[in-house]
Amino acid sequence: MTNVHMIVGSLVVLAYIIVLVLNVRAATGKPILSFQRPLSMAASGLFLIQILLGMSLLGEGKDIPAAHYLIALLAIFSVGAEHMLTGREADSQRAGRMAAIANAVTLALVLTAYMIGEMNGS
């Protein structure tokens, strides 16, 4: 299960890099692509699966520094902010800008949690 958690963690980081690039693209005035919002939702879903896998590992008695899961749980707020703030925004450039900021925060948090996990995982 630890290997699955590490693989999904890598996919979460990759997904948020892609979503960030797409939102920066939208923030610069380029049109939002038709698959951009579903991809962002998929990244969020993958992140949810990652959290559930991590909680399962904690339940199995796996040991990891508290910072790993606390930082990962903090990312829930930036993921929620992205979807809450940009879902109703009429101006696509402004929506892209807000989403890019939220994605940058999310990426920083999940990357930090990922690095802690990689350094301390078994």
PDB file of N, CA and C in Angstrom:
ATOM      1  N   MET A   1       0.818  -1.196   0.000  1.00  0.00           N
ATOM      2  CA  MET A   1       0.000   0.000   0.000  1.00  0.00           C
ATOM      3  C   MET A   1       0.866   1.267   0.000  1.00  0.00           C
ATOM      4  N   THR A   2       2.040   1.188   0.624  1.00  0.00           N
ATOM      5  CA  THR A   2       2.934   2.342   0.650  1.00  0.00           C
ATOM      6  C   THR A   2       3.376   2.722  -0.762  1.00  0.00           C
ATOM      7  N   ASN A   3       3.653   1.728  -1.591  1.00  0.00           N
ATOM      8  CA  ASN A   3       4.056   2.011  -2.974  1.00  0.00           C
ATOM      9  C   ASN A   3       2.935   2.669  -3.762  1.00  0.00           C
ATOM     10  N   VAL A   4       1.706   2.214  -3.543  1.00  0.00           N
ATOM     11  CA  VAL A   4       0.557   2.828  -4.220  1.00  0.00           C
ATOM     12  C   VAL A   4       0.434   4.286  -3.797  1.00  0.00           C
ATOM     13  N   HIS A   5       0.611   4.542  -2.496  1.00  0.00           N
ATOM     14  CA  HIS A   5       0.539   5.905  -1.973  1.00  0.00           C
ATOM     15  C   HIS A   5       1.623   6.784  -2.607  1.00  0.00           C
ATOM     16  N   MET A   6       2.824   6.243  -2.780  1.00  0.00           N
ATOM     17  CA  MET A   6       3.904   7.019  -3.396  1.00  0.00           C
ATOM     18  C   MET A   6       3.618   7.289  -4.875  1.00  0.00           C
ATOM     19  N   ILE A   7       3.074   6.305  -5.579  1.00  0.00           N
ATOM     20  CA  ILE A   7       2.756   6.488  -7.000  1.00  0.00           C
ATOM     21  C   ILE A   7       1.649   7.517  -7.168  1.00  0.00           C
ATOM     22  N   VAL A   8       0.598   7.396  -6.370  1.00  0.00           N
ATOM     23  CA  VAL A   8      -0.502   8.362  -6.456  1.00  0.00           C
ATOM     24  C   VAL A   8      -0.005   9.756  -6.076  1.00  0.00           C
ATOM     25  N   GLY A   9       0.895   9.834  -5.095  1.00  0.00           N
ATOM     26  CA  GLY A   9       1.476  11.125  -4.725  1.00  0.00           C
ATOM     27  C   GLY A   9       2.222  11.766  -5.888  1.00  0.00           C
ATOM     28  N   SER A  10       2.968  10.956  -6.630  1.00  0.00           N
ATOM     29  CA  SER A  10       3.665  11.466  -7.818  1.00  0.00           C
ATOM     30  C   SER A  10       2.658  11.973  -8.854  1.00  0.00           C
ATOM     31  N   LEU A  11       1.572  11.243  -9.030  1.00  0.00           N
ATOM     32  CA  LEU A  11       0.532  11.654  -9.988  1.00  0.00           C
ATOM     33  C   LEU A  11      -0.161  12.935  -9.542  1.00  0.00           C
ATOM     34  N   VAL A  12      -0.357  13.104  -8.235  1.00  0.00           N
ATOM     35  CA  VAL A  12      -0.970  14.335  -7.716  1.00  0.00           C
ATOM     36  C   VAL A  12      -0.069  15.529  -8.026  1.00  0.00           C
ATOM     37  N   VAL A  13       1.215  15.392  -7.760  1.00  0.00           N
ATOM     38  CA  VAL A  13       2.151  16.487  -8.045  1.00  0.00           C
ATOM     39  C   VAL A  13       2.146  16.809  -9.540  1.00  0.00           C
ATOM     40  N   LEU A  14       2.209  15.795 -10.373  1.00  0.00           N
ATOM     41  CA  LEU A  14       2.193  15.995 -11.821  1.00  0.00           C
ATOM     42  C   LEU A  14       0.894  16.662 -12.270  1.00  0.00           C
ATOM     43  N   ALA A  15      -0.225  16.207 -11.723  1.00  0.00           N
ATOM     44  CA  ALA A  15      -1.528  16.780 -12.101  1.00  0.00           C
ATOM     45  C   ALA A  15      -1.599  18.261 -11.747  1.00  0.00           C
ATOM     46  N   TYR A  16      -1.110  18.622 -10.565  1.00  0.00           N
ATOM     47  CA  TYR A  16      -1.173  20.033 -10.176  1.00  0.00           C
ATOM     48  C   TYR A  16      -0.183  20.893 -10.955  1.00  0.00           C
ATOM     49  N   ILE A  17       0.903  20.332 -11.422  1.00  0.00           N
ATOM     50  CA  ILE A  17       1.802  21.078 -12.304  1.00  0.00           C
ATOM     51  C   ILE A  17       1.080  21.392 -13.616  1.00  0.00           C
ATOM     52  N   ILE A  18       0.405  20.396 -14.169  1.00  0.00           N
ATOM     53  CA  ILE A  18      -0.326  20.590 -15.430  1.00  0.00           C
ATOM     54  C   ILE A  18      -1.452  21.606 -15.255  1.00  0.00           C
ATOM     55  N   VAL A  19      -2.209  21.474 -14.172  1.00  0.00           N
ATOM     56  CA  VAL A  19      -3.312  22.404 -13.917  1.00  0.00           C
ATOM     57  C   VAL A  19      -2.778  23.821 -13.725  1.00  0.00           C
ATOM     58  N   LEU A  20      -1.658  23.962 -13.029  1.00  0.00           N
ATOM     59  CA  LEU A  20      -1.068  25.288 -12.841  1.00  0.00           C
ATOM     60  C   LEU A  20      -0.664  25.901 -14.173  1.00  0.00           C
ATOM     61  N   VAL A  21      -0.034  25.133 -15.034  1.00  0.00           N
ATOM     62  CA  VAL A  21       0.366  25.637 -16.355  1.00  0.00           C
ATOM     63  C   VAL A  21      -0.869  26.099 -17.142  1.00  0.00           C
ATOM     64  N   LEU A  22      -1.930  25.315 -17.104  1.00  0.00           N
ATOM     65  CA  LEU A  22      -3.153  25.690 -17.828  1.00  0.00           C
ATOM     66  C   LEU A  22      -3.789  26.952 -17.244  1.00  0.00           C
ATOM     67  N   ASN A  23      -3.762  27.094 -15.929  1.00  0.00           N
ATOM     68  CA  ASN A  23      -4.351  28.293 -15.318  1.00  0.00           C
ATOM     69  C   ASN A  23      -3.499  29.530 -15.534  1.00  0.00           C
ATOM     70  N   VAL A  24      -2.180  29.374 -15.571  1.00  0.00           N
ATOM     71  CA  VAL A  24      -1.315  30.517 -15.910  1.00  0.00           C
ATOM     72  C   VAL A  24      -1.588  30.934 -17.348  1.00  0.00           C
ATOM     73  N   ARG A  25      -1.792  29.951 -18.210  1.00  0.00           N
ATOM     74  CA  ARG A  25      -2.138  30.226 -19.611  1.00  0.00           C
ATOM     75  C   ARG A  25      -3.426  31.049 -19.693  1.00  0.00           C
ATOM     76  N   ALA A  26      -4.435  30.655 -18.907  1.00  0.00           N
ATOM     77  CA  ALA A  26      -5.705  31.391 -18.893  1.00  0.00           C
ATOM     78  C   ALA A  26      -5.529  32.777 -18.285  1.00  0.00           C
ATOM     79  N   ALA A  27      -4.659  32.895 -17.292  1.00  0.00           N
ATOM     80  CA  ALA A  27      -4.417  34.188 -16.646  1.00  0.00           C
ATOM     81  C   ALA A  27      -3.765  35.186 -17.589  1.00  0.00           C
ATOM     82  N   THR A  28      -3.061  34.687 -18.604  1.00  0.00           N
ATOM     83  CA  THR A  28      -2.416  35.586 -19.563  1.00  0.00           C
ATOM     84  C   THR A  28      -3.350  36.019 -20.682  1.00  0.00           C
ATOM     85  N   GLY A  29      -4.597  35.598 -20.610  1.00  0.00           N
ATOM     86  CA  GLY A  29      -5.583  36.044 -21.585  1.00  0.00           C
ATOM     87  C   GLY A  29      -5.940  35.028 -22.649  1.00  0.00           C
ATOM     88  N   LYS A  30      -5.296  33.898 -22.635  1.00  0.00           N
ATOM     89  CA  LYS A  30      -5.641  32.860 -23.617  1.00  0.00           C
ATOM     90  C   LYS A  30      -6.934  32.184 -23.179  1.00  0.00           C
ATOM     91  N   PRO A  31      -7.712  31.677 -24.116  1.00  0.00           N
ATOM     92  CA  PRO A  31      -9.001  31.079 -23.745  1.00  0.00           C
ATOM     93  C   PRO A  31      -8.833  29.817 -22.885  1.00  0.00           C
ATOM     94  N   ILE A  32      -9.794  29.633 -21.988  1.00  0.00           N
ATOM     95  CA  ILE A  32      -9.801  28.432 -21.149  1.00  0.00           C
ATOM     96  C   ILE A  32     -10.149  27.247 -22.034  1.00  0.00           C
ATOM     97  N   LEU A  33      -9.375  26.189 -21.924  1.00  0.00           N
ATOM     98  CA  LEU A  33      -9.599  24.998 -22.741  1.00  0.00           C
ATOM     99  C   LEU A  33     -10.779  24.199 -22.197  1.00  0.00           C
ATOM    100  N   SER A  34     -11.441  23.468 -23.064  1.00  0.00           N
ATOM    101  CA  SER A  34     -12.657  22.749 -22.674  1.00  0.00           C
ATOM    102  C   SER A  34     -12.391  21.681 -21.616  1.00  0.00           C
ATOM    103  N   PHE A  35     -11.200  21.133 -21.566  1.00  0.00           N
ATOM    104  CA  PHE A  35     -10.887  20.076 -20.610  1.00  0.00           C
ATOM    105  C   PHE A  35     -10.223  20.601 -19.341  1.00  0.00           C
ATOM    106  N   GLN A  36     -10.062  21.910 -19.245  1.00  0.00           N
ATOM    107  CA  GLN A  36      -9.302  22.484 -18.135  1.00  0.00           C
ATOM    108  C   GLN A  36      -9.991  22.284 -16.784  1.00  0.00           C
ATOM    109  N   ARG A  37     -11.269  22.612 -16.698  1.00  0.00           N
ATOM    110  CA  ARG A  37     -11.981  22.444 -15.416  1.00  0.00           C
ATOM    111  C   ARG A  37     -12.127  20.968 -15.044  1.00  0.00           C
ATOM    112  N   PRO A  38     -12.515  20.083 -15.991  1.00  0.00           N
ATOM    113  CA  PRO A  38     -12.559  18.657 -15.624  1.00  0.00           C
ATOM    114  C   PRO A  38     -11.198  18.116 -15.182  1.00  0.00           C
ATOM    115  N   LEU A  39     -10.116  18.603 -15.776  1.00  0.00           N
ATOM    116  CA  LEU A  39      -8.785  18.163 -15.365  1.00  0.00           C
ATOM    117  C   LEU A  39      -8.485  18.628 -13.940  1.00  0.00           C
ATOM    118  N   SER A  40      -8.892  19.840 -13.621  1.00  0.00           N
ATOM    119  CA  SER A  40      -8.710  20.354 -12.267  1.00  0.00           C
ATOM    120  C   SER A  40      -9.516  19.527 -11.268  1.00  0.00           C
ATOM    121  N   MET A  41     -10.731  19.158 -11.644  1.00  0.00           N
ATOM    122  CA  MET A  41     -11.567  18.305 -10.780  1.00  0.00           C
ATOM    123  C   MET A  41     -10.936  16.925 -10.626  1.00  0.00           C
ATOM    124  N   ALA A  42     -10.367  16.398 -11.700  1.00  0.00           N
ATOM    125  CA  ALA A  42      -9.699  15.093 -11.636  1.00  0.00           C
ATOM    126  C   ALA A  42      -8.484  15.151 -10.711  1.00  0.00           C
ATOM    127  N   ALA A  43      -7.728  16.249 -10.781  1.00  0.00           N
ATOM    128  CA  ALA A  43      -6.579  16.410  -9.888  1.00  0.00           C
ATOM    129  C   ALA A  43      -7.049  16.453  -8.440  1.00  0.00           C
ATOM    130  N   SER A  44      -8.156  17.130  -8.196  1.00  0.00           N
ATOM    131  CA  SER A  44      -8.715  17.189  -6.845  1.00  0.00           C
ATOM    132  C   SER A  44      -9.173  15.814  -6.379  1.00  0.00           C
ATOM    133  N   GLY A  45      -9.790  15.063  -7.273  1.00  0.00           N
ATOM    134  CA  GLY A  45     -10.224  13.713  -6.945  1.00  0.00           C
ATOM    135  C   GLY A  45      -9.042  12.806  -6.634  1.00  0.00           C
ATOM    136  N   LEU A  46      -7.988  12.949  -7.409  1.00  0.00           N
ATOM    137  CA  LEU A  46      -6.771  12.172  -7.173  1.00  0.00           C
ATOM    138  C   LEU A  46      -6.159  12.538  -5.819  1.00  0.00           C
ATOM    139  N   PHE A  47      -6.214  13.817  -5.493  1.00  0.00           N
ATOM    140  CA  PHE A  47      -5.725  14.285  -4.198  1.00  0.00           C
ATOM    141  C   PHE A  47      -6.555  13.680  -3.059  1.00  0.00           C
ATOM    142  N   LEU A  48      -7.865  13.603  -3.245  1.00  0.00           N
ATOM    143  CA  LEU A  48      -8.737  12.985  -2.247  1.00  0.00           C
ATOM    144  C   LEU A  48      -8.379  11.512  -2.047  1.00  0.00           C
ATOM    145  N   ILE A  49      -8.160  10.806  -3.151  1.00  0.00           N
ATOM    146  CA  ILE A  49      -7.743   9.395  -3.063  1.00  0.00           C
ATOM    147  C   ILE A  49      -6.421   9.287  -2.305  1.00  0.00           C
ATOM    148  N   GLN A  50      -5.510  10.215  -2.571  1.00  0.00           N
ATOM    149  CA  GLN A  50      -4.215  10.219  -1.900  1.00  0.00           C
ATOM    150  C   GLN A  50      -4.388  10.403  -0.393  1.00  0.00           C
ATOM    151  N   ILE A  51      -5.253  11.301   0.001  1.00  0.00           N
ATOM    152  CA  ILE A  51      -5.503  11.522   1.427  1.00  0.00           C
ATOM    153  C   ILE A  51      -6.092  10.263   2.062  1.00  0.00           C
ATOM    154  N   LEU A  52      -7.042   9.635   1.374  1.00  0.00           N
ATOM    155  CA  LEU A  52      -7.655   8.412   1.908  1.00  0.00           C
ATOM    156  C   LEU A  52      -6.626   7.289   2.036  1.00  0.00           C
ATOM    157  N   LEU A  53      -5.755   7.157   1.048  1.00  0.00           N
ATOM    158  CA  LEU A  53      -4.683   6.159   1.140  1.00  0.00           C
ATOM    159  C   LEU A  53      -3.754   6.452   2.317  1.00  0.00           C
ATOM    160  N   GLY A  54      -3.437   7.719   2.503  1.00  0.00           N
ATOM    161  CA  GLY A  54      -2.573   8.113   3.616  1.00  0.00           C
ATOM    162  C   GLY A  54      -3.212   7.820   4.961  1.00  0.00           C
ATOM    163  N   MET A  55      -4.501   8.097   5.078  1.00  0.00           N
ATOM    164  CA  MET A  55      -5.202   7.800   6.335  1.00  0.00           C
ATOM    165  C   MET A  55      -5.238   6.292   6.580  1.00  0.00           C
ATOM    166  N   SER A  56      -5.388   5.532   5.517  1.00  0.00           N
ATOM    167  CA  SER A  56      -5.373   4.077   5.630  1.00  0.00           C
ATOM    168  C   SER A  56      -4.012   3.591   6.128  1.00  0.00           C
ATOM    169  N   LEU A  57      -2.953   4.182   5.604  1.00  0.00           N
ATOM    170  CA  LEU A  57      -1.610   3.818   6.055  1.00  0.00           C
ATOM    171  C   LEU A  57      -1.398   4.184   7.524  1.00  0.00           C
ATOM    172  N   LEU A  58      -1.926   5.338   7.929  1.00  0.00           N
ATOM    173  CA  LEU A  58      -1.824   5.704   9.341  1.00  0.00           C
ATOM    174  C   LEU A  58      -2.576   4.703  10.205  1.00  0.00           C
ATOM    175  N   GLY A  59      -3.741   4.266   9.710  1.00  0.00           N
ATOM    176  CA  GLY A  59      -4.524   3.268  10.439  1.00  0.00           C
ATOM    177  C   GLY A  59      -3.815   1.934  10.541  1.00  0.00           C
ATOM    178  N   GLU A  60      -2.957   1.629   9.577  1.00  0.00           N
ATOM    179  CA  GLU A  60      -2.175   0.383   9.612  1.00  0.00           C
ATOM    180  C   GLU A  60      -0.956   0.494  10.527  1.00  0.00           C
ATOM    181  N   GLY A  61      -0.735   1.686  11.072  1.00  0.00           N
ATOM    182  CA  GLY A  61       0.381   1.864  11.990  1.00  0.00           C
ATOM    183  C   GLY A  61       1.658   2.357  11.347  1.00  0.00           C
ATOM    184  N   LYS A  62       1.602   2.775  10.092  1.00  0.00           N
ATOM    185  CA  LYS A  62       2.804   3.326   9.439  1.00  0.00           C
ATOM    186  C   LYS A  62       3.185   4.633  10.126  1.00  0.00           C
ATOM    187  N   ASP A  63       4.464   4.863  10.256  1.00  0.00           N
ATOM    188  CA  ASP A  63       4.964   6.034  10.959  1.00  0.00           C
ATOM    189  C   ASP A  63       5.508   7.045   9.959  1.00  0.00           C
ATOM    190  N   ILE A  64       5.065   8.281  10.085  1.00  0.00           N
ATOM    191  CA  ILE A  64       5.516   9.372   9.218  1.00  0.00           C
ATOM    192  C   ILE A  64       5.457  10.642  10.070  1.00  0.00           C
ATOM    193  N   PRO A  65       6.353  11.600   9.860  1.00  0.00           N
ATOM    194  CA  PRO A  65       6.272  12.839  10.646  1.00  0.00           C
ATOM    195  C   PRO A  65       4.909  13.526  10.479  1.00  0.00           C
ATOM    196  N   ALA A  66       4.449  14.105  11.559  1.00  0.00           N
ATOM    197  CA  ALA A  66       3.138  14.768  11.547  1.00  0.00           C
ATOM    198  C   ALA A  66       3.071  15.861  10.486  1.00  0.00           C
ATOM    199  N   ALA A  67       4.188  16.495  10.194  1.00  0.00           N
ATOM    200  CA  ALA A  67       4.203  17.568   9.189  1.00  0.00           C
ATOM    201  C   ALA A  67       3.721  17.059   7.833  1.00  0.00           C
ATOM    202  N   HIS A  68       3.991  15.807   7.517  1.00  0.00           N
ATOM    203  CA  HIS A  68       3.602  15.238   6.225  1.00  0.00           C
ATOM    204  C   HIS A  68       2.090  15.313   6.025  1.00  0.00           C
ATOM    205  N   TYR A  69       1.341  14.806   6.976  1.00  0.00           N
ATOM    206  CA  TYR A  69      -0.108  14.811   6.769  1.00  0.00           C
ATOM    207  C   TYR A  69      -0.755  16.131   7.139  1.00  0.00           C
ATOM    208  N   LEU A  70      -0.168  16.907   8.041  1.00  0.00           N
ATOM    209  CA  LEU A  70      -0.740  18.220   8.354  1.00  0.00           C
ATOM    210  C   LEU A  70      -0.614  19.166   7.164  1.00  0.00           C
ATOM    211  N   ILE A  71       0.536  19.146   6.508  1.00  0.00           N
ATOM    212  CA  ILE A  71       0.727  19.987   5.316  1.00  0.00           C
ATOM    213  C   ILE A  71      -0.202  19.529   4.199  1.00  0.00           C
ATOM    214  N   ALA A  72      -0.335  18.213   4.028  1.00  0.00           N
ATOM    215  CA  ALA A  72      -1.241  17.694   2.994  1.00  0.00           C
ATOM    216  C   ALA A  72      -2.683  18.110   3.279  1.00  0.00           C
ATOM    217  N   LEU A  73      -3.081  18.064   4.536  1.00  0.00           N
ATOM    218  CA  LEU A  73      -4.450  18.468   4.883  1.00  0.00           C
ATOM    219  C   LEU A  73      -4.668  19.966   4.680  1.00  0.00           C
ATOM    220  N   LEU A  74      -3.627  20.766   4.857  1.00  0.00           N
ATOM    221  CA  LEU A  74      -3.740  22.209   4.592  1.00  0.00           C
ATOM    222  C   LEU A  74      -4.075  22.482   3.129  1.00  0.00           C
ATOM    223  N   ALA A  75      -3.586  21.616   2.255  1.00  0.00           N
ATOM    224  CA  ALA A  75      -3.836  21.812   0.824  1.00  0.00           C
ATOM    225  C   ALA A  75      -5.315  21.711   0.481  1.00  0.00           C
ATOM    226  N   ILE A  76      -6.107  21.090   1.336  1.00  0.00           N
ATOM    227  CA  ILE A  76      -7.554  21.018   1.086  1.00  0.00           C
ATOM    228  C   ILE A  76      -8.139  22.417   0.967  1.00  0.00           C
ATOM    229  N   PHE A  77      -7.625  23.362   1.771  1.00  0.00           N
ATOM    230  CA  PHE A  77      -8.144  24.724   1.733  1.00  0.00           C
ATOM    231  C   PHE A  77      -7.859  25.416   0.402  1.00  0.00           C
ATOM    232  N   SER A  78      -6.648  25.247  -0.120  1.00  0.00           N
ATOM    233  CA  SER A  78      -6.336  25.904  -1.396  1.00  0.00           C
ATOM    234  C   SER A  78      -7.064  25.235  -2.558  1.00  0.00           C
ATOM    235  N   VAL A  79      -7.271  23.924  -2.485  1.00  0.00           N
ATOM    236  CA  VAL A  79      -8.050  23.228  -3.515  1.00  0.00           C
ATOM    237  C   VAL A  79      -9.485  23.748  -3.484  1.00  0.00           C
ATOM    238  N   GLY A  80     -10.047  23.847  -2.290  1.00  0.00           N
ATOM    239  CA  GLY A  80     -11.407  24.377  -2.153  1.00  0.00           C
ATOM    240  C   GLY A  80     -11.519  25.812  -2.619  1.00  0.00           C
ATOM    241  N   ALA A  81     -10.508  26.615  -2.304  1.00  0.00           N
ATOM    242  CA  ALA A  81     -10.515  28.023  -2.730  1.00  0.00           C
ATOM    243  C   ALA A  81     -10.516  28.131  -4.246  1.00  0.00           C
ATOM    244  N   GLU A  82      -9.724  27.298  -4.898  1.00  0.00           N
ATOM    245  CA  GLU A  82      -9.693  27.340  -6.366  1.00  0.00           C
ATOM    246  C   GLU A  82     -11.079  27.090  -6.949  1.00  0.00           C
ATOM    247  N   HIS A  83     -11.723  26.056  -6.502  1.00  0.00           N
ATOM    248  CA  HIS A  83     -13.018  25.692  -7.079  1.00  0.00           C
ATOM    249  C   HIS A  83     -14.127  26.637  -6.645  1.00  0.00           C
ATOM    250  N   MET A  84     -14.047  27.145  -5.423  1.00  0.00           N
ATOM    251  CA  MET A  84     -15.072  28.060  -4.938  1.00  0.00           C
ATOM    252  C   MET A  84     -14.970  29.431  -5.619  1.00  0.00           C
ATOM    253  N   LEU A  85     -13.765  29.955  -5.710  1.00  0.00           N
ATOM    254  CA  LEU A  85     -13.583  31.317  -6.217  1.00  0.00           C
ATOM    255  C   LEU A  85     -13.684  31.408  -7.734  1.00  0.00           C
ATOM    256  N   THR A  86     -13.286  30.384  -8.434  1.00  0.00           N
ATOM    257  CA  THR A  86     -13.253  30.478  -9.895  1.00  0.00           C
ATOM    258  C   THR A  86     -14.496  29.920 -10.559  1.00  0.00           C
ATOM    259  N   GLY A  87     -15.290  29.144  -9.846  1.00  0.00           N
ATOM    260  CA  GLY A  87     -16.463  28.513 -10.448  1.00  0.00           C
ATOM    261  C   GLY A  87     -17.506  29.494 -10.933  1.00  0.00           C
ATOM    262  N   ARG A  88     -17.617  30.622 -10.254  1.00  0.00           N
ATOM    263  CA  ARG A  88     -18.649  31.601 -10.611  1.00  0.00           C
ATOM    264  C   ARG A  88     -18.100  32.845 -11.299  1.00  0.00           C
ATOM    265  N   GLU A  89     -16.812  32.876 -11.512  1.00  0.00           N
ATOM    266  CA  GLU A  89     -16.181  34.063 -12.109  1.00  0.00           C
ATOM    267  C   GLU A  89     -16.481  34.149 -13.602  1.00  0.00           C
ATOM    268  N   ALA A  90     -17.039  35.285 -14.032  1.00  0.00           N
ATOM    269  CA  ALA A  90     -17.402  35.472 -15.438  1.00  0.00           C
ATOM    270  C   ALA A  90     -16.182  35.820 -16.303  1.00  0.00           C
ATOM    271  N   ASP A  91     -15.244  36.544 -15.755  1.00  0.00           N
ATOM    272  CA  ASP A  91     -14.046  36.958 -16.497  1.00  0.00           C
ATOM    273  C   ASP A  91     -13.028  35.813 -16.470  1.00  0.00           C
ATOM    274  N   SER A  92     -12.783  35.207 -17.623  1.00  0.00           N
ATOM    275  CA  SER A  92     -11.908  34.029 -17.671  1.00  0.00           C
ATOM    276  C   SER A  92     -10.464  34.365 -17.306  1.00  0.00           C
ATOM    277  N   GLN A  93     -10.030  35.571 -17.618  1.00  0.00           N
ATOM    278  CA  GLN A  93      -8.653  35.947 -17.279  1.00  0.00           C
ATOM    279  C   GLN A  93      -8.505  36.085 -15.760  1.00  0.00           C
ATOM    280  N   ARG A  94      -9.482  36.706 -15.133  1.00  0.00           N
ATOM    281  CA  ARG A  94      -9.444  36.834 -13.674  1.00  0.00           C
ATOM    282  C   ARG A  94      -9.580  35.462 -13.013  1.00  0.00           C
ATOM    283  N   ALA A  95     -10.462  34.619 -13.553  1.00  0.00           N
ATOM    284  CA  ALA A  95     -10.618  33.258 -13.022  1.00  0.00           C
ATOM    285  C   ALA A  95      -9.306  32.490 -13.148  1.00  0.00           C
ATOM    286  N   GLY A  96      -8.624  32.642 -14.265  1.00  0.00           N
ATOM    287  CA  GLY A  96      -7.342  31.986 -14.463  1.00  0.00           C
ATOM    288  C   GLY A  96      -6.300  32.476 -13.486  1.00  0.00           C
ATOM    289  N   ARG A  97      -6.326  33.779 -13.214  1.00  0.00           N
ATOM    290  CA  ARG A  97      -5.369  34.362 -12.272  1.00  0.00           C
ATOM    291  C   ARG A  97      -5.606  33.826 -10.855  1.00  0.00           C
ATOM    292  N   MET A  98      -6.878  33.820 -10.430  1.00  0.00           N
ATOM    293  CA  MET A  98      -7.197  33.313  -9.090  1.00  0.00           C
ATOM    294  C   MET A  98      -6.889  31.821  -8.981  1.00  0.00           C
ATOM    295  N   ALA A  99      -7.219  31.078 -10.029  1.00  0.00           N
ATOM    296  CA  ALA A  99      -6.952  29.637 -10.023  1.00  0.00           C
ATOM    297  C   ALA A  99      -5.452  29.369 -10.000  1.00  0.00           C
ATOM    298  N   ALA A 100      -4.689  30.165 -10.736  1.00  0.00           N
ATOM    299  CA  ALA A 100      -3.231  29.975 -10.765  1.00  0.00           C
ATOM    300  C   ALA A 100      -2.622  30.225  -9.388  1.00  0.00           C
ATOM    301  N   ILE A 101      -3.104  31.242  -8.702  1.00  0.00           N
ATOM    302  CA  ILE A 101      -2.603  31.522  -7.355  1.00  0.00           C
ATOM    303  C   ILE A 101      -2.936  30.370  -6.412  1.00  0.00           C
ATOM    304  N   ALA A 102      -4.196  29.917  -6.455  1.00  0.00           N
ATOM    305  CA  ALA A 102      -4.604  28.798  -5.598  1.00  0.00           C
ATOM    306  C   ALA A 102      -3.823  27.529  -5.958  1.00  0.00           C
ATOM    307  N   ASN A 103      -3.603  27.297  -7.252  1.00  0.00           N
ATOM    308  CA  ASN A 103      -2.847  26.112  -7.679  1.00  0.00           C
ATOM    309  C   ASN A 103      -1.391  26.187  -7.253  1.00  0.00           C
ATOM    310  N   ALA A 104      -0.813  27.379  -7.284  1.00  0.00           N
ATOM    311  CA  ALA A 104       0.579  27.528  -6.851  1.00  0.00           C
ATOM    312  C   ALA A 104       0.709  27.181  -5.367  1.00  0.00           C
ATOM    313  N   VAL A 105      -0.258  27.628  -4.569  1.00  0.00           N
ATOM    314  CA  VAL A 105      -0.251  27.299  -3.139  1.00  0.00           C
ATOM    315  C   VAL A 105      -0.434  25.793  -2.958  1.00  0.00           C
ATOM    316  N   THR A 106      -1.403  25.219  -3.690  1.00  0.00           N
ATOM    317  CA  THR A 106      -1.650  23.779  -3.597  1.00  0.00           C
ATOM    318  C   THR A 106      -0.404  22.993  -3.992  1.00  0.00           C
ATOM    319  N   LEU A 107       0.200  23.370  -5.099  1.00  0.00           N
ATOM    320  CA  LEU A 107       1.392  22.665  -5.566  1.00  0.00           C
ATOM    321  C   LEU A 107       2.521  22.760  -4.543  1.00  0.00           C
ATOM    322  N   ALA A 108       2.718  23.938  -3.959  1.00  0.00           N
ATOM    323  CA  ALA A 108       3.764  24.090  -2.945  1.00  0.00           C
ATOM    324  C   ALA A 108       3.494  23.172  -1.753  1.00  0.00           C
ATOM    325  N   LEU A 109       2.238  23.090  -1.331  1.00  0.00           N
ATOM    326  CA  LEU A 109       1.899  22.250  -0.183  1.00  0.00           C
ATOM    327  C   LEU A 109       2.033  20.763  -0.498  1.00  0.00           C
ATOM    328  N   VAL A 110       1.486  20.327  -1.637  1.00  0.00           N
ATOM    329  CA  VAL A 110       1.559  18.890  -1.941  1.00  0.00           C
ATOM    330  C   VAL A 110       3.001  18.480  -2.265  1.00  0.00           C
ATOM    331  N   LEU A 111       3.762  19.369  -2.858  1.00  0.00           N
ATOM    332  CA  LEU A 111       5.168  19.061  -3.137  1.00  0.00           C
ATOM    333  C   LEU A 111       5.968  18.953  -1.837  1.00  0.00           C
ATOM    334  N   THR A 112       5.679  19.836  -0.891  1.00  0.00           N
ATOM    335  CA  THR A 112       6.342  19.765   0.417  1.00  0.00           C
ATOM    336  C   THR A 112       5.988  18.464   1.126  1.00  0.00           C
ATOM    337  N   ALA A 113       4.696  18.125   1.132  1.00  0.00           N
ATOM    338  CA  ALA A 113       4.268  16.864   1.759  1.00  0.00           C
ATOM    339  C   ALA A 113       4.904  15.671   1.045  1.00  0.00           C
ATOM    340  N   TYR A 114       4.968  15.744  -0.277  1.00  0.00           N
ATOM    341  CA  TYR A 114       5.576  14.669  -1.074  1.00  0.00           C
ATOM    342  C   TYR A 114       7.048  14.488  -0.701  1.00  0.00           C
ATOM    343  N   MET A 115       7.776  15.604  -0.588  1.00  0.00           N
ATOM    344  CA  MET A 115       9.205  15.515  -0.262  1.00  0.00           C
ATOM    345  C   MET A 115       9.413  14.967   1.151  1.00  0.00           C
ATOM    346  N   ILE A 116       8.568  15.374   2.096  1.00  0.00           N
ATOM    347  CA  ILE A 116       8.661  14.833   3.448  1.00  0.00           C
ATOM    348  C   ILE A 116       8.413  13.331   3.416  1.00  0.00           C
ATOM    349  N   GLY A 117       7.409  12.918   2.648  1.00  0.00           N
ATOM    350  CA  GLY A 117       7.104  11.496   2.525  1.00  0.00           C
ATOM    351  C   GLY A 117       8.239  10.714   1.885  1.00  0.00           C
ATOM    352  N   GLU A 118       8.837  11.272   0.863  1.00  0.00           N
ATOM    353  CA  GLU A 118       9.943  10.602   0.182  1.00  0.00           C
ATOM    354  C   GLU A 118      11.171  10.466   1.080  1.00  0.00           C
ATOM    355  N   MET A 119      11.407  11.482   1.894  1.00  0.00           N
ATOM    356  CA  MET A 119      12.581  11.438   2.785  1.00  0.00           C
ATOM    357  C   MET A 119      12.361  10.493   3.975  1.00  0.00           C
ATOM    358  N   ASN A 120      11.110  10.321   4.390  1.00  0.00           N
ATOM    359  CA  ASN A 120      10.842   9.563   5.601  1.00  0.00           C
ATOM    360  C   ASN A 120      10.060   8.282   5.371  1.00  0.00           C
ATOM    361  N   GLY A 121       9.644   8.025   4.121  1.00  0.00           N
ATOM    362  CA  GLY A 121       8.855   6.828   3.833  1.00  0.00           C
ATOM    363  C   GLY A 121       9.693   5.570   3.925  1.00  0.00           C
ATOM    364  N   SER A 122       8.979   4.459   4.043  1.00  0.00           N
ATOM    365  CA  SER A 122       9.719   3.186   4.127  1.00  0.00           C
ATOM    366  C   SER A 122       9.627   2.429   2.834  1.00  0.00           C
TER     367      SER A 122
END
